[in-house]
Structures are given as C-alpha cells and as structure tokens.
Amino acid sequence: MVLQDEKKTKWRCVSYEKTKCRSVIYTTGKKVNCRQTHNHQAKPIDPKTILVPQYVKIVRS
C-alpha cells in the first residue's frame, strides 16, 4: 500500500524499488481500478500465502 484516504487506497507493484515498475491499482470498496502494466515477468505465487477470496469489479484504464 502506498497511499490511503477515506475513499480509496493506492497499491504499487512490489517490484517498484527493484524494477521501477509503474503498475498501480486503486481500490475503492470492492472496485479495483488497474493502471499501467508491469515491466517485468510475474513471480510465482507462494502456495503458503493465505488469500481471502472476494468478489470485486475490475476496471482497466
């Protein structure tokens, strides 16, 4: 997470420091707004990571 106010949260790629990846998403409630694309290959997902599934609306700009 990079920035948060009462209405939305800005998330930056975890590889930003290493690759200067400009990919970000903004979340507002259950709405996810995707900006930019990654400039690197995706890392494999660790199966030990606990994720909480949710229904969301994805908007690409």
PDB file of N, CA and C in Angstrom:
ATOM      1  N   MET A   1       0.842  -1.169   0.000  1.00  0.00           N
ATOM      2  CA  MET A   1       0.000   0.000   0.000  1.00  0.00           C
ATOM      3  C   MET A   1       0.891   1.237   0.000  1.00  0.00           C
ATOM      4  N   VAL A   2       0.513   2.217  -0.778  1.00  0.00           N
ATOM      5  CA  VAL A   2       1.297   3.441  -0.897  1.00  0.00           C
ATOM      6  C   VAL A   2       0.572   4.608  -0.243  1.00  0.00           C
ATOM      7  N   LEU A   3      -0.696   4.770  -0.553  1.00  0.00           N
ATOM      8  CA  LEU A   3      -1.444   5.925  -0.097  1.00  0.00           C
ATOM      9  C   LEU A   3      -2.866   5.508   0.220  1.00  0.00           C
ATOM     10  N   GLN A   4      -3.411   6.035   1.306  1.00  0.00           N
ATOM     11  CA  GLN A   4      -4.779   5.683   1.670  1.00  0.00           C
ATOM     12  C   GLN A   4      -5.491   6.914   2.214  1.00  0.00           C
ATOM     13  N   ASP A   5      -6.720   7.122   1.747  1.00  0.00           N
ATOM     14  CA  ASP A   5      -7.579   8.132   2.349  1.00  0.00           C
ATOM     15  C   ASP A   5      -8.903   7.460   2.673  1.00  0.00           C
ATOM     16  N   GLU A   6      -9.903   8.213   3.064  1.00  0.00           N
ATOM     17  CA  GLU A   6     -11.161   7.597   3.486  1.00  0.00           C
ATOM     18  C   GLU A   6     -11.930   6.943   2.352  1.00  0.00           C
ATOM     19  N   LYS A   7     -11.613   7.270   1.099  1.00  0.00           N
ATOM     20  CA  LYS A   7     -12.360   6.716  -0.027  1.00  0.00           C
ATOM     21  C   LYS A   7     -11.611   5.678  -0.841  1.00  0.00           C
ATOM     22  N   LYS A   8     -10.301   5.838  -1.032  1.00  0.00           N
ATOM     23  CA  LYS A   8      -9.579   4.899  -1.889  1.00  0.00           C
ATOM     24  C   LYS A   8      -8.173   4.628  -1.363  1.00  0.00           C
ATOM     25  N   THR A   9      -7.619   3.513  -1.851  1.00  0.00           N
ATOM     26  CA  THR A   9      -6.267   3.108  -1.480  1.00  0.00           C
ATOM     27  C   THR A   9      -5.467   2.874  -2.751  1.00  0.00           C
ATOM     28  N   LYS A  10      -4.232   3.369  -2.790  1.00  0.00           N
ATOM     29  CA  LYS A  10      -3.344   3.172  -3.934  1.00  0.00           C
ATOM     30  C   LYS A  10      -2.331   2.091  -3.570  1.00  0.00           C
ATOM     31  N   TRP A  11      -2.197   1.106  -4.475  1.00  0.00           N
ATOM     32  CA  TRP A  11      -1.261  -0.004  -4.276  1.00  0.00           C
ATOM     33  C   TRP A  11      -0.219   0.043  -5.389  1.00  0.00           C
ATOM     34  N   ARG A  12       1.029  -0.104  -5.044  1.00  0.00           N
ATOM     35  CA  ARG A  12       2.131  -0.086  -6.011  1.00  0.00           C
ATOM     36  C   ARG A  12       2.672  -1.512  -6.147  1.00  0.00           C
ATOM     37  N   CYS A  13       3.212  -1.825  -7.308  1.00  0.00           N
ATOM     38  CA  CYS A  13       3.834  -3.124  -7.554  1.00  0.00           C
ATOM     39  C   CYS A  13       4.928  -3.383  -6.506  1.00  0.00           C
ATOM     40  N   VAL A  14       5.008  -4.608  -6.011  1.00  0.00           N
ATOM     41  CA  VAL A  14       6.022  -4.929  -5.002  1.00  0.00           C
ATOM     42  C   VAL A  14       7.434  -4.874  -5.578  1.00  0.00           C
ATOM     43  N   SER A  15       7.563  -4.889  -6.889  1.00  0.00           N
ATOM     44  CA  SER A  15       8.883  -4.808  -7.532  1.00  0.00           C
ATOM     45  C   SER A  15       9.264  -3.372  -7.909  1.00  0.00           C
ATOM     46  N   TYR A  16       8.540  -2.387  -7.402  1.00  0.00           N
ATOM     47  CA  TYR A  16       8.791  -0.999  -7.785  1.00  0.00           C
ATOM     48  C   TYR A  16      10.232  -0.573  -7.517  1.00  0.00           C
ATOM     49  N   GLU A  17      10.735  -0.842  -6.340  1.00  0.00           N
ATOM     50  CA  GLU A  17      12.090  -0.410  -5.986  1.00  0.00           C
ATOM     51  C   GLU A  17      13.148  -1.069  -6.882  1.00  0.00           C
ATOM     52  N   LYS A  18      12.947  -2.329  -7.192  1.00  0.00           N
ATOM     53  CA  LYS A  18      13.934  -3.084  -7.969  1.00  0.00           C
ATOM     54  C   LYS A  18      13.862  -2.796  -9.469  1.00  0.00           C
ATOM     55  N   THR A  19      12.640  -2.707 -10.014  1.00  0.00           N
ATOM     56  CA  THR A  19      12.468  -2.588 -11.467  1.00  0.00           C
ATOM     57  C   THR A  19      11.880  -1.250 -11.913  1.00  0.00           C
ATOM     58  N   LYS A  20      11.510  -0.403 -10.970  1.00  0.00           N
ATOM     59  CA  LYS A  20      10.820   0.862 -11.261  1.00  0.00           C
ATOM     60  C   LYS A  20       9.517   0.625 -12.031  1.00  0.00           C
ATOM     61  N   CYS A  21       8.868  -0.496 -11.720  1.00  0.00           N
ATOM     62  CA  CYS A  21       7.603  -0.860 -12.359  1.00  0.00           C
ATOM     63  C   CYS A  21       6.550   0.199 -12.023  1.00  0.00           C
ATOM     64  N   ARG A  22       5.841   0.682 -13.033  1.00  0.00           N
ATOM     65  CA  ARG A  22       4.860   1.752 -12.851  1.00  0.00           C
ATOM     66  C   ARG A  22       3.439   1.229 -12.653  1.00  0.00           C
ATOM     67  N   SER A  23       3.278  -0.079 -12.547  1.00  0.00           N
ATOM     68  CA  SER A  23       1.957  -0.648 -12.380  1.00  0.00           C
ATOM     69  C   SER A  23       1.399  -0.306 -10.996  1.00  0.00           C
ATOM     70  N   VAL A  24       0.176   0.223 -10.964  1.00  0.00           N
ATOM     71  CA  VAL A  24      -0.505   0.542  -9.711  1.00  0.00           C
ATOM     72  C   VAL A  24      -1.968   0.154  -9.839  1.00  0.00           C
ATOM     73  N   ILE A  25      -2.601  -0.064  -8.701  1.00  0.00           N
ATOM     74  CA  ILE A  25      -4.047  -0.249  -8.670  1.00  0.00           C
ATOM     75  C   ILE A  25      -4.613   0.656  -7.592  1.00  0.00           C
ATOM     76  N   TYR A  26      -5.861   1.060  -7.792  1.00  0.00           N
ATOM     77  CA  TYR A  26      -6.598   1.835  -6.815  1.00  0.00           C
ATOM     78  C   TYR A  26      -7.788   0.992  -6.396  1.00  0.00           C
ATOM     79  N   THR A  27      -8.025   0.879  -5.107  1.00  0.00           N
ATOM     80  CA  THR A  27      -9.189   0.144  -4.625  1.00  0.00           C
ATOM     81  C   THR A  27     -10.114   1.099  -3.903  1.00  0.00           C
ATOM     82  N   THR A  28     -11.403   0.929  -4.182  1.00  0.00           N
ATOM     83  CA  THR A  28     -12.461   1.679  -3.517  1.00  0.00           C
ATOM     84  C   THR A  28     -13.542   0.676  -3.181  1.00  0.00           C
ATOM     85  N   GLY A  29     -13.664   0.311  -1.923  1.00  0.00           N
ATOM     86  CA  GLY A  29     -14.627  -0.727  -1.557  1.00  0.00           C
ATOM     87  C   GLY A  29     -14.270  -2.019  -2.272  1.00  0.00           C
ATOM     88  N   LYS A  30     -15.171  -2.525  -3.111  1.00  0.00           N
ATOM     89  CA  LYS A  30     -14.916  -3.756  -3.856  1.00  0.00           C
ATOM     90  C   LYS A  30     -14.609  -3.478  -5.322  1.00  0.00           C
ATOM     91  N   LYS A  31     -14.239  -2.252  -5.651  1.00  0.00           N
ATOM     92  CA  LYS A  31     -13.879  -1.870  -7.016  1.00  0.00           C
ATOM     93  C   LYS A  31     -12.359  -1.759  -7.110  1.00  0.00           C
ATOM     94  N   VAL A  32     -11.785  -2.385  -8.140  1.00  0.00           N
ATOM     95  CA  VAL A  32     -10.338  -2.361  -8.363  1.00  0.00           C
ATOM     96  C   VAL A  32     -10.076  -1.702  -9.704  1.00  0.00           C
ATOM     97  N   ASN A  33      -9.334  -0.597  -9.703  1.00  0.00           N
ATOM     98  CA  ASN A  33      -9.015   0.140 -10.925  1.00  0.00           C
ATOM     99  C   ASN A  33      -7.536  -0.072 -11.233  1.00  0.00           C
ATOM    100  N   CYS A  34      -7.228  -0.735 -12.359  1.00  0.00           N
ATOM    101  CA  CYS A  34      -5.851  -1.065 -12.737  1.00  0.00           C
ATOM    102  C   CYS A  34      -5.281   0.020 -13.641  1.00  0.00           C
ATOM    103  N   ARG A  35      -4.078   0.467 -13.324  1.00  0.00           N
ATOM    104  CA  ARG A  35      -3.391   1.475 -14.136  1.00  0.00           C
ATOM    105  C   ARG A  35      -2.026   0.949 -14.539  1.00  0.00           C
ATOM    106  N   GLN A  36      -1.639   1.214 -15.764  1.00  0.00           N
ATOM    107  CA  GLN A  36      -0.336   0.801 -16.290  1.00  0.00           C
ATOM    108  C   GLN A  36      -0.230  -0.728 -16.356  1.00  0.00           C
ATOM    109  N   THR A  37       0.855  -1.208 -16.905  1.00  0.00           N
ATOM    110  CA  THR A  37       1.141  -2.639 -16.944  1.00  0.00           C
ATOM    111  C   THR A  37       2.524  -2.856 -16.346  1.00  0.00           C
ATOM    112  N   HIS A  38       2.786  -4.076 -15.950  1.00  0.00           N
ATOM    113  CA  HIS A  38       4.081  -4.396 -15.361  1.00  0.00           C
ATOM    114  C   HIS A  38       5.168  -4.382 -16.436  1.00  0.00           C
ATOM    115  N   ASN A  39       6.382  -4.042 -16.050  1.00  0.00           N
ATOM    116  CA  ASN A  39       7.501  -4.042 -16.989  1.00  0.00           C
ATOM    117  C   ASN A  39       8.455  -5.208 -16.715  1.00  0.00           C
ATOM    118  N   HIS A  40       7.938  -6.249 -16.074  1.00  0.00           N
ATOM    119  CA  HIS A  40       8.757  -7.397 -15.692  1.00  0.00           C
ATOM    120  C   HIS A  40       7.887  -8.652 -15.676  1.00  0.00           C
ATOM    121  N   GLN A  41       8.529  -9.808 -15.600  1.00  0.00           N
ATOM    122  CA  GLN A  41       7.810 -11.076 -15.519  1.00  0.00           C
ATOM    123  C   GLN A  41       7.219 -11.248 -14.124  1.00  0.00           C
ATOM    124  N   ALA A  42       6.088 -11.925 -14.060  1.00  0.00           N
ATOM    125  CA  ALA A  42       5.453 -12.179 -12.768  1.00  0.00           C
ATOM    126  C   ALA A  42       6.243 -13.216 -11.977  1.00  0.00           C
ATOM    127  N   LYS A  43       6.246 -13.037 -10.663  1.00  0.00           N
ATOM    128  CA  LYS A  43       6.884 -14.012  -9.790  1.00  0.00           C
ATOM    129  C   LYS A  43       5.883 -15.133  -9.496  1.00  0.00           C
ATOM    130  N   PRO A  44       6.365 -16.358  -9.296  1.00  0.00           N
ATOM    131  CA  PRO A  44       5.442 -17.443  -8.929  1.00  0.00           C
ATOM    132  C   PRO A  44       4.781 -17.149  -7.577  1.00  0.00           C
ATOM    133  N   ILE A  45       3.526 -17.542  -7.438  1.00  0.00           N
ATOM    134  CA  ILE A  45       2.804 -17.328  -6.180  1.00  0.00           C
ATOM    135  C   ILE A  45       3.182 -18.412  -5.178  1.00  0.00           C
ATOM    136  N   ASP A  46       3.479 -17.994  -3.968  1.00  0.00           N
ATOM    137  CA  ASP A  46       3.809 -18.926  -2.896  1.00  0.00           C
ATOM    138  C   ASP A  46       2.524 -19.598  -2.423  1.00  0.00           C
ATOM    139  N   PRO A  47       2.402 -20.924  -2.534  1.00  0.00           N
ATOM    140  CA  PRO A  47       1.162 -21.601  -2.137  1.00  0.00           C
ATOM    141  C   PRO A  47       0.873 -21.487  -0.643  1.00  0.00           C
ATOM    142  N   LYS A  48       1.852 -21.109   0.161  1.00  0.00           N
ATOM    143  CA  LYS A  48       1.641 -20.955   1.594  1.00  0.00           C
ATOM    144  C   LYS A  48       0.955 -19.635   1.938  1.00  0.00           C
ATOM    145  N   THR A  49       0.888 -18.727   0.963  1.00  0.00           N
ATOM    146  CA  THR A  49       0.265 -17.429   1.194  1.00  0.00           C
ATOM    147  C   THR A  49      -1.231 -17.611   1.390  1.00  0.00           C
ATOM    148  N   ILE A  50      -1.742 -16.999   2.406  1.00  0.00           N
ATOM    149  CA  ILE A  50      -3.177 -17.087   2.680  1.00  0.00           C
ATOM    150  C   ILE A  50      -3.868 -15.903   2.013  1.00  0.00           C
ATOM    151  N   LEU A  51      -4.771 -16.212   1.092  1.00  0.00           N
ATOM    152  CA  LEU A  51      -5.515 -15.182   0.388  1.00  0.00           C
ATOM    153  C   LEU A  51      -6.987 -15.295   0.765  1.00  0.00           C
ATOM    154  N   VAL A  52      -7.662 -14.174   0.872  1.00  0.00           N
ATOM    155  CA  VAL A  52      -9.081 -14.161   1.190  1.00  0.00           C
ATOM    156  C   VAL A  52      -9.842 -13.848  -0.092  1.00  0.00           C
ATOM    157  N   PRO A  53     -10.622 -14.803  -0.606  1.00  0.00           N
ATOM    158  CA  PRO A  53     -11.341 -14.546  -1.855  1.00  0.00           C
ATOM    159  C   PRO A  53     -12.478 -13.544  -1.649  1.00  0.00           C
ATOM    160  N   GLN A  54     -12.659 -12.659  -2.613  1.00  0.00           N
ATOM    161  CA  GLN A  54     -13.742 -11.687  -2.593  1.00  0.00           C
ATOM    162  C   GLN A  54     -14.198 -11.440  -4.025  1.00  0.00           C
ATOM    163  N   TYR A  55     -15.471 -11.101  -4.182  1.00  0.00           N
ATOM    164  CA  TYR A  55     -15.969 -10.684  -5.486  1.00  0.00           C
ATOM    165  C   TYR A  55     -15.718  -9.194  -5.621  1.00  0.00           C
ATOM    166  N   VAL A  56     -15.047  -8.797  -6.702  1.00  0.00           N
ATOM    167  CA  VAL A  56     -14.724  -7.393  -6.939  1.00  0.00           C
ATOM    168  C   VAL A  56     -15.016  -7.041  -8.384  1.00  0.00           C
ATOM    169  N   LYS A  57     -15.136  -5.750  -8.665  1.00  0.00           N
ATOM    170  CA  LYS A  57     -15.291  -5.256 -10.029  1.00  0.00           C
ATOM    171  C   LYS A  57     -13.947  -4.691 -10.460  1.00  0.00           C
ATOM    172  N   ILE A  58     -13.390  -5.167 -11.574  1.00  0.00           N
ATOM    173  CA  ILE A  58     -12.096  -4.712 -12.059  1.00  0.00           C
ATOM    174  C   ILE A  58     -12.297  -3.769 -13.237  1.00  0.00           C
ATOM    175  N   VAL A  59     -11.685  -2.586 -13.140  1.00  0.00           N
ATOM    176  CA  VAL A  59     -11.773  -1.573 -14.189  1.00  0.00           C
ATOM    177  C   VAL A  59     -10.369  -1.314 -14.693  1.00  0.00           C
ATOM    178  N   ARG A  60     -10.128  -1.486 -15.979  1.00  0.00           N
ATOM    179  CA  ARG A  60      -8.810  -1.224 -16.560  1.00  0.00           C
ATOM    180  C   ARG A  60      -8.835   0.112 -17.284  1.00  0.00           C
ATOM    181  N   SER A  61      -7.841   0.962 -16.974  1.00  0.00           N
ATOM    182  CA  SER A  61      -7.779   2.277 -17.626  1.00  0.00           C
ATOM    183  C   SER A  61      -6.566   2.379 -18.494  1.00  0.00           C
TER     184      SER A  61
END
